[in-house]
Amino acid sequence: MAAVPDKIQTWQMVQPWSKDRETGKVTEGRIEKTDIPVPELKAGEVLVEVAGCGVCHTDLGFFFDGVPTVSKPPLTLGHEISGVVVAGDEKWIGKEVIIPAVMPCRQCYLCKIGRGNRCLFQKMPGNSIGIYGGNSSHIPVPSVDLCEVKDRGKFPLSHLAVIADAMTTPYQAAKRADLQPGDNVIVIGATGGVGVHMVQTVKALGAANVIGIARNPEKLKRALNYGADFVISSVDKTPRDVRNEFRGLCKENGIEAGYGWKIFEVTGTKPGQDIALELLSFIGKLIVVGFGLAKNEYSISRLMAFDAEIIGTWGCLPEYYPIVLGMVLSGKLELEAFVETKPMSQINQIYDQVHKAGSPAKRIVLTPDF
């Protein structure tokens, strides 16, 4: 079993990028290597030695785009974490675990009615667990919501970090949508870091027809091998163009186009959301999975006329993590085609690269190399 360290080695966000609204002066962001004391663990807490931490666009939003963190800098980012428990609650020591990206309080009204994924007192590594995040050698976390990894077979523990957010968020979204076998589904942003798993998840849960919409031609082609029955490129098309292509595709393949589609909008961008709103029709559901700051113009009276719904979804209940882990280990969800590891010492380069280029072909997981 790994030893308990004297210090936690970490890559800390000392300063996020910022721009003064009045002067326009830009302050460059800084992520720096440092070490911090190992905290005294409270009852019900453990210390996890990090095996891998996924690079999520939420982290990039905190660092580059002015999205505020609950705990103010300096703090360590990173909430997509797998590792091994090395101290704390005796029954967890030595176990391999996935740390849920959001951990509910288990006490409030939202938790008691089963909506703990949006608990207002939830804890999120790299955001609201003090200064601690996954871009570290170790992290202290509550043990109650840990997902134990057993018999992981060929899967490196570091790769399973992706389950902590990119693969569980789609499962929660499918539950919010009340996805049923035989449903027809559209995924907008089907080729992104969460979108690829959204497509896989709805297909694995029994969706009849899955249409992926995105911009990258190579990734769209790949989507056809991982859950998408059809794909539509949105490049240089208006939302109405996409709608017309969708209707033509349905007509050509004998699929009902006029009602009942469940639409998962994963991009969080205005163009993606505009397409989703254009496609929403009779008794349909639009599930907003992606986050962005843009505003859309839409006549909400159409919801009345269509008897349709628009709903949001946030994170994933820890209770669902073992289910998603089981789907990965049993091969119902593909992981290895969508993940690669990089040394954590390259964090500045990787963050900059992903922020400028958008979602890479594979989710990048940073592995500690202090």
Protein backbone atom coordinates (compact mmCIF):
# COMPACT_ATOMS: atom_id res chain seq x y z
CA MET A 1 0.00 0.00 0.00
CA ALA A 2 1.19 3.51 -0.81
CA ALA A 3 2.65 5.59 2.04
CA VAL A 4 0.95 8.63 3.49
CA PRO A 5 2.96 11.69 2.37
CA ASP A 6 4.21 14.57 4.49
CA LYS A 7 3.04 17.06 1.86
CA ILE A 8 0.57 17.13 -1.02
CA GLN A 9 2.31 18.00 -4.29
CA THR A 10 0.02 20.04 -6.49
CA TRP A 11 -0.43 22.28 -9.53
CA GLN A 12 -2.29 25.23 -8.07
CA MET A 13 -4.30 27.87 -9.93
CA VAL A 14 -2.69 30.95 -8.40
CA GLN A 15 -4.40 33.43 -10.73
CA PRO A 16 -7.14 32.84 -13.33
CA TRP A 17 -7.09 34.87 -16.55
CA SER A 18 -8.98 38.13 -16.19
CA LYS A 19 -9.72 41.35 -18.05
CA ASP A 20 -10.45 44.69 -16.44
CA ARG A 21 -13.81 45.89 -17.77
CA GLU A 22 -12.85 49.56 -17.66
CA THR A 23 -9.25 49.56 -18.85
CA GLY A 24 -9.25 46.37 -20.90
CA LYS A 25 -6.04 45.30 -19.20
CA VAL A 26 -5.55 41.54 -19.33
CA THR A 27 -4.04 39.68 -16.39
CA GLU A 28 -2.50 36.39 -17.42
CA GLY A 29 -3.50 33.26 -15.58
CA ARG A 30 -0.95 31.26 -13.62
CA ILE A 31 -0.89 27.61 -12.61
CA GLU A 32 2.17 26.81 -10.55
CA LYS A 33 3.67 23.76 -8.91
CA THR A 34 3.76 23.88 -5.13
CA ASP A 35 3.19 21.76 -2.05
CA ILE A 36 0.62 22.11 0.68
CA PRO A 37 0.18 20.46 4.08
CA VAL A 38 -1.75 17.20 4.37
CA PRO A 39 -4.84 18.23 6.35
CA GLU A 40 -5.96 16.44 9.49
CA LEU A 41 -8.69 14.12 8.26
CA LYS A 42 -12.10 14.39 9.93
CA ALA A 43 -14.39 11.48 10.67
CA GLY A 44 -15.71 10.09 7.39
CA GLU A 45 -12.88 11.53 5.30
CA VAL A 46 -10.10 9.78 3.41
CA LEU A 47 -6.92 10.76 1.62
CA VAL A 48 -6.79 9.54 -1.98
CA GLU A 49 -3.56 9.14 -3.93
CA VAL A 50 -4.48 10.44 -7.39
CA ALA A 51 -4.03 8.03 -10.31
CA GLY A 52 -5.46 10.36 -12.94
CA CYS A 53 -7.39 13.60 -13.34
CA GLY A 54 -9.33 14.37 -16.51
CA VAL A 55 -9.14 17.75 -18.23
CA CYS A 56 -12.70 19.07 -18.38
CA HIS A 57 -13.98 22.25 -20.01
CA THR A 58 -15.35 23.25 -16.62
CA ASP A 59 -11.75 23.54 -15.40
CA LEU A 60 -10.88 25.62 -18.46
CA GLY A 61 -13.90 27.85 -17.80
CA PHE A 62 -12.57 28.49 -14.28
CA PHE A 63 -9.07 29.27 -15.54
CA PHE A 64 -9.60 31.06 -18.83
CA ASP A 65 -13.15 32.34 -19.06
CA GLY A 66 -13.95 34.05 -15.79
CA VAL A 67 -16.27 31.39 -14.39
CA PRO A 68 -15.91 31.88 -10.61
CA THR A 69 -14.91 29.07 -8.27
CA VAL A 70 -16.60 28.70 -4.89
CA SER A 71 -13.22 28.59 -3.12
CA LYS A 72 -11.17 31.53 -4.22
CA PRO A 73 -7.65 31.14 -5.67
CA PRO A 74 -5.14 29.92 -4.97
CA LEU A 75 -6.70 26.49 -5.30
CA THR A 76 -6.10 23.35 -7.31
CA LEU A 77 -8.45 22.59 -10.19
CA GLY A 78 -9.57 19.13 -11.33
CA HIS A 79 -12.73 17.18 -10.48
CA GLU A 80 -12.50 14.09 -12.69
CA ILE A 81 -10.45 11.86 -10.42
CA SER A 82 -9.56 8.23 -9.82
CA GLY A 83 -7.06 6.92 -7.28
CA VAL A 84 -6.29 4.78 -4.25
CA VAL A 85 -7.29 5.49 -0.64
CA VAL A 86 -4.16 5.73 1.53
CA ALA A 87 -5.44 7.18 4.83
CA GLY A 88 -8.58 7.91 6.83
CA ASP A 89 -11.65 5.71 7.16
CA GLU A 90 -10.20 2.24 7.83
CA LYS A 91 -12.65 0.32 5.70
CA TRP A 92 -11.59 2.26 2.60
CA ILE A 93 -7.81 2.07 2.95
CA GLY A 94 -6.14 0.34 -0.01
CA LYS A 95 -9.24 0.47 -2.21
CA GLU A 96 -9.24 1.86 -5.72
CA VAL A 97 -11.92 4.49 -6.18
CA ILE A 98 -13.54 7.02 -8.47
CA ILE A 99 -14.35 10.31 -6.75
CA PRO A 100 -17.75 11.73 -7.83
CA ALA A 101 -17.46 15.17 -9.38
CA VAL A 102 -20.26 16.45 -7.15
CA MET A 103 -20.93 15.08 -3.67
CA PRO A 104 -24.28 16.03 -2.07
CA CYS A 105 -24.74 16.93 1.61
CA ARG A 106 -27.29 14.13 2.16
CA GLN A 107 -29.17 16.35 4.63
CA CYS A 108 -31.06 19.01 2.70
CA TYR A 109 -34.51 18.93 1.09
CA LEU A 110 -33.12 18.47 -2.43
CA CYS A 111 -31.12 15.46 -1.29
CA LYS A 112 -34.12 13.96 0.47
CA ILE A 113 -36.31 14.17 -2.64
CA GLY A 114 -33.66 12.50 -4.82
CA ARG A 115 -32.25 15.65 -6.44
CA GLY A 116 -28.92 15.53 -4.63
CA ASN A 117 -27.03 15.99 -7.87
CA ARG A 118 -28.07 19.66 -7.57
CA CYS A 119 -27.70 19.89 -3.79
CA LEU A 120 -26.95 23.51 -2.94
CA PHE A 121 -24.42 22.39 -0.33
CA GLN A 122 -22.64 19.86 -2.53
CA LYS A 123 -18.87 19.58 -2.60
CA MET A 124 -16.88 19.54 -5.82
CA PRO A 125 -13.14 18.86 -6.02
CA GLY A 126 -11.32 21.72 -7.68
CA ASN A 127 -14.08 24.13 -6.79
CA SER A 128 -15.57 23.84 -3.33
CA ILE A 129 -13.48 21.41 -1.26
CA GLY A 130 -11.28 24.13 0.18
CA ILE A 131 -8.08 24.47 -1.85
CA TYR A 132 -8.03 20.83 -2.94
CA GLY A 133 -8.43 19.49 -6.47
CA GLY A 134 -7.41 16.57 -8.63
CA ASN A 135 -4.32 18.09 -10.24
CA SER A 136 -2.34 16.86 -7.27
CA SER A 137 -0.54 13.88 -5.83
CA HIS A 138 -3.29 13.43 -3.20
CA ILE A 139 -6.67 14.85 -2.26
CA PRO A 140 -8.80 14.66 0.93
CA VAL A 141 -12.48 13.86 0.26
CA PRO A 142 -15.55 12.50 2.07
CA SER A 143 -15.72 8.72 1.82
CA VAL A 144 -19.50 8.29 1.79
CA ASP A 145 -19.91 8.82 -1.94
CA LEU A 146 -16.77 7.11 -3.26
CA CYS A 147 -17.28 4.58 -6.04
CA GLU A 148 -15.15 1.52 -5.39
CA VAL A 149 -13.44 -0.02 -8.40
CA LYS A 150 -13.28 -3.81 -8.36
CA ASP A 151 -11.95 -6.18 -11.01
CA ARG A 152 -11.07 -3.44 -13.48
CA GLY A 153 -9.36 -5.94 -15.78
CA LYS A 154 -7.51 -4.31 -18.68
CA PHE A 155 -8.47 -0.78 -17.71
CA PRO A 156 -5.74 1.42 -16.19
CA LEU A 157 -7.08 3.05 -13.04
CA SER A 158 -6.07 6.46 -14.42
CA HIS A 159 -8.36 6.02 -17.44
CA LEU A 160 -11.36 5.40 -15.19
CA ALA A 161 -11.10 9.03 -14.02
CA VAL A 162 -13.19 9.91 -17.08
CA ILE A 163 -16.16 8.17 -15.48
CA ALA A 164 -16.16 10.81 -12.73
CA ASP A 165 -17.78 13.37 -15.01
CA ALA A 166 -17.70 12.86 -18.79
CA MET A 167 -19.37 9.43 -18.59
CA THR A 168 -21.70 9.88 -15.61
CA THR A 169 -23.12 13.25 -16.67
CA PRO A 170 -24.74 11.64 -19.74
CA TYR A 171 -26.28 8.92 -17.58
CA GLN A 172 -27.83 11.52 -15.26
CA ALA A 173 -29.07 13.43 -18.33
CA ALA A 174 -30.71 10.27 -19.66
CA LYS A 175 -32.44 9.74 -16.31
CA ARG A 176 -33.64 13.39 -16.29
CA ALA A 177 -35.04 12.82 -19.77
CA ASP A 178 -36.82 9.67 -18.59
CA LEU A 179 -35.22 7.94 -21.54
CA GLN A 180 -37.07 4.75 -22.43
CA PRO A 181 -36.18 1.87 -24.76
CA GLY A 182 -37.43 2.75 -28.22
CA ASP A 183 -37.10 6.52 -27.81
CA ASN A 184 -35.72 8.58 -30.67
CA VAL A 185 -32.79 10.80 -29.71
CA ILE A 186 -30.80 13.69 -31.13
CA VAL A 187 -27.43 14.60 -29.60
CA ILE A 188 -26.10 18.03 -30.51
CA GLY A 189 -22.38 18.12 -29.91
CA ALA A 190 -22.13 14.40 -30.49
CA THR A 191 -18.37 14.46 -30.98
CA GLY A 192 -17.21 16.41 -27.91
CA GLY A 193 -15.76 15.10 -24.66
CA VAL A 194 -19.20 14.53 -23.11
CA GLY A 195 -21.12 14.19 -26.37
CA VAL A 196 -19.40 10.97 -27.46
CA HIS A 197 -20.53 9.38 -24.21
CA MET A 198 -24.00 10.90 -24.46
CA VAL A 199 -24.43 9.10 -27.79
CA GLN A 200 -23.12 5.83 -26.40
CA THR A 201 -25.21 6.03 -23.25
CA VAL A 202 -28.58 6.61 -24.89
CA LYS A 203 -27.90 3.80 -27.37
CA ALA A 204 -26.85 1.43 -24.58
CA LEU A 205 -30.05 2.31 -22.70
CA GLY A 206 -32.16 1.29 -25.67
CA ALA A 207 -32.74 4.35 -27.86
CA ALA A 208 -34.18 3.26 -31.20
CA ASN A 209 -32.65 5.92 -33.43
CA VAL A 210 -29.77 8.19 -32.45
CA ILE A 211 -28.84 11.14 -34.64
CA GLY A 212 -25.56 12.90 -33.87
CA ILE A 213 -25.10 16.52 -34.89
CA ALA A 214 -21.68 18.19 -34.80
CA ARG A 215 -19.07 19.94 -36.93
CA ASN A 216 -15.97 17.75 -37.16
CA PRO A 217 -16.27 15.33 -40.12
CA GLU A 218 -13.78 12.76 -38.83
CA LYS A 219 -15.36 12.65 -35.39
CA LEU A 220 -18.84 12.42 -36.92
CA LYS A 221 -17.65 9.42 -38.90
CA ARG A 222 -16.30 7.88 -35.70
CA ALA A 223 -19.64 8.48 -33.94
CA LEU A 224 -21.26 6.01 -36.32
CA ASN A 225 -19.13 3.29 -34.71
CA TYR A 226 -20.11 4.26 -31.18
CA GLY A 227 -23.88 4.57 -30.94
CA ALA A 228 -24.98 7.00 -33.65
CA ASP A 229 -27.26 5.59 -36.34
CA PHE A 230 -27.07 8.76 -38.43
CA VAL A 231 -25.04 11.95 -38.34
CA ILE A 232 -25.61 15.48 -39.61
CA SER A 233 -22.85 18.06 -40.08
CA SER A 234 -23.87 21.54 -38.97
CA VAL A 235 -21.00 23.27 -40.74
CA ASP A 236 -22.14 26.35 -42.69
CA LYS A 237 -25.82 25.56 -42.03
CA THR A 238 -28.54 27.57 -40.34
CA PRO A 239 -30.69 25.89 -37.69
CA ARG A 240 -33.45 25.67 -40.30
CA ASP A 241 -31.04 23.99 -42.75
CA VAL A 242 -30.26 21.38 -40.09
CA ARG A 243 -33.97 20.91 -39.35
CA ASN A 244 -34.71 20.35 -43.02
CA GLU A 245 -31.85 17.85 -43.32
CA PHE A 246 -33.16 16.06 -40.23
CA ARG A 247 -36.63 15.80 -41.74
CA GLY A 248 -35.23 14.55 -45.02
CA LEU A 249 -33.13 11.95 -43.26
CA CYS A 250 -36.15 10.71 -41.31
CA LYS A 251 -38.32 10.55 -44.43
CA GLU A 252 -35.63 8.64 -46.31
CA ASN A 253 -35.33 6.07 -43.52
CA GLY A 254 -38.99 5.73 -42.57
CA ILE A 255 -38.63 7.40 -39.17
CA GLU A 256 -41.28 9.65 -37.65
CA ALA A 257 -39.87 13.17 -37.61
CA GLY A 258 -42.81 15.16 -36.29
CA TYR A 259 -43.01 14.33 -32.60
CA GLY A 260 -41.50 12.73 -29.55
CA TRP A 261 -37.77 13.33 -30.08
CA LYS A 262 -35.57 13.73 -27.05
CA ILE A 263 -32.84 16.26 -27.80
CA PHE A 264 -29.65 16.43 -25.73
CA GLU A 265 -27.78 19.73 -26.23
CA VAL A 266 -24.23 19.13 -25.06
CA THR A 267 -22.23 21.97 -26.62
CA GLY A 268 -23.39 24.81 -24.39
CA THR A 269 -22.92 27.12 -27.38
CA LYS A 270 -25.47 29.49 -28.90
CA PRO A 271 -25.34 27.82 -32.34
CA GLY A 272 -25.90 24.40 -30.79
CA GLN A 273 -28.73 25.65 -28.61
CA ASP A 274 -30.36 27.43 -31.57
CA ILE A 275 -30.36 24.14 -33.50
CA ALA A 276 -31.86 22.34 -30.51
CA LEU A 277 -34.66 24.88 -30.21
CA GLU A 278 -35.38 24.63 -33.93
CA LEU A 279 -35.65 20.84 -33.70
CA LEU A 280 -37.86 20.77 -30.59
CA SER A 281 -41.34 19.72 -31.63
CA PHE A 282 -44.53 18.03 -30.43
CA ILE A 283 -44.24 16.26 -27.05
CA GLY A 284 -40.49 16.54 -27.40
CA LYS A 285 -37.94 17.16 -24.66
CA LEU A 286 -34.85 19.33 -24.83
CA ILE A 287 -32.32 18.41 -22.17
CA VAL A 288 -29.67 21.07 -21.65
CA VAL A 289 -26.41 19.31 -20.75
CA GLY A 290 -23.78 21.85 -21.87
CA PHE A 291 -23.15 25.21 -20.21
CA GLY A 292 -22.37 28.56 -21.81
CA LEU A 293 -22.99 32.25 -21.20
CA ALA A 294 -24.82 33.00 -24.46
CA LYS A 295 -28.49 33.98 -24.63
CA ASN A 296 -31.03 32.65 -27.12
CA GLU A 297 -34.22 34.11 -28.51
CA TYR A 298 -37.15 31.69 -28.42
CA SER A 299 -40.90 31.95 -28.17
CA ILE A 300 -41.71 29.94 -25.05
CA SER A 301 -45.33 29.79 -26.20
CA ARG A 302 -44.13 27.12 -28.60
CA LEU A 303 -43.71 24.86 -25.56
CA MET A 304 -47.43 25.22 -24.90
CA ALA A 305 -48.31 24.59 -28.51
CA PHE A 306 -45.99 21.59 -28.74
CA ASP A 307 -46.72 20.28 -25.22
CA ALA A 308 -42.94 20.11 -25.08
CA GLU A 309 -40.38 20.53 -22.31
CA ILE A 310 -37.00 22.14 -21.80
CA ILE A 311 -35.12 20.88 -18.77
CA GLY A 312 -31.62 21.22 -17.38
CA THR A 313 -29.39 18.56 -15.89
CA TRP A 314 -26.41 18.91 -13.58
CA GLY A 315 -23.69 16.45 -12.65
CA CYS A 316 -24.68 12.97 -11.55
CA LEU A 317 -25.90 11.35 -8.37
CA PRO A 318 -23.16 9.26 -6.76
CA GLU A 319 -25.65 6.36 -6.65
CA TYR A 320 -25.39 6.05 -10.42
CA TYR A 321 -21.59 5.76 -10.53
CA PRO A 322 -21.45 1.98 -9.93
CA ILE A 323 -23.98 1.50 -12.75
CA VAL A 324 -21.89 3.50 -15.23
CA LEU A 325 -18.68 1.82 -14.05
CA GLY A 326 -20.36 -1.55 -14.64
CA MET A 327 -21.40 -0.50 -18.14
CA VAL A 328 -17.77 0.43 -18.91
CA LEU A 329 -16.23 -2.73 -17.45
CA SER A 330 -18.78 -4.94 -19.24
CA GLY A 331 -18.14 -3.25 -22.58
CA LYS A 332 -21.56 -1.62 -22.95
CA LEU A 333 -19.79 1.74 -23.01
CA GLU A 334 -16.48 2.20 -24.82
CA LEU A 335 -13.81 4.05 -22.87
CA GLU A 336 -10.39 3.25 -24.30
CA ALA A 337 -11.09 4.77 -27.73
CA PHE A 338 -11.79 8.10 -26.07
CA VAL A 339 -8.98 8.57 -23.52
CA GLU A 340 -5.26 9.27 -23.42
CA THR A 341 -2.90 10.18 -20.62
CA LYS A 342 -0.35 12.97 -20.35
CA PRO A 343 2.08 13.81 -17.53
CA MET A 344 0.59 16.28 -15.05
CA SER A 345 3.74 18.39 -15.40
CA GLN A 346 2.42 19.39 -18.86
CA ILE A 347 -0.75 20.91 -17.36
CA ASN A 348 -0.11 24.46 -18.58
CA GLN A 349 0.60 23.30 -22.11
CA ILE A 350 -2.40 20.94 -22.16
CA TYR A 351 -4.84 23.49 -20.75
CA ASP A 352 -3.71 26.06 -23.32
CA GLN A 353 -3.90 23.54 -26.15
CA VAL A 354 -7.40 22.31 -25.32
CA HIS A 355 -8.72 25.81 -24.68
CA LYS A 356 -7.52 27.03 -28.09
CA ALA A 357 -8.33 23.96 -30.17
CA GLY A 358 -11.53 22.76 -28.49
CA SER A 359 -12.25 19.17 -27.62
CA PRO A 360 -9.41 16.83 -28.63
CA ALA A 361 -10.15 13.49 -30.26
CA LYS A 362 -9.60 11.84 -26.88
CA ARG A 363 -10.20 13.00 -23.31
CA ILE A 364 -6.85 13.90 -21.76
CA VAL A 365 -6.17 12.51 -18.31
CA LEU A 366 -3.25 14.02 -16.40
CA THR A 367 -1.23 11.54 -14.38
CA PRO A 368 0.87 12.78 -11.42
CA ASP A 369 4.64 12.90 -12.11
CA PHE A 370 5.88 15.04 -9.23
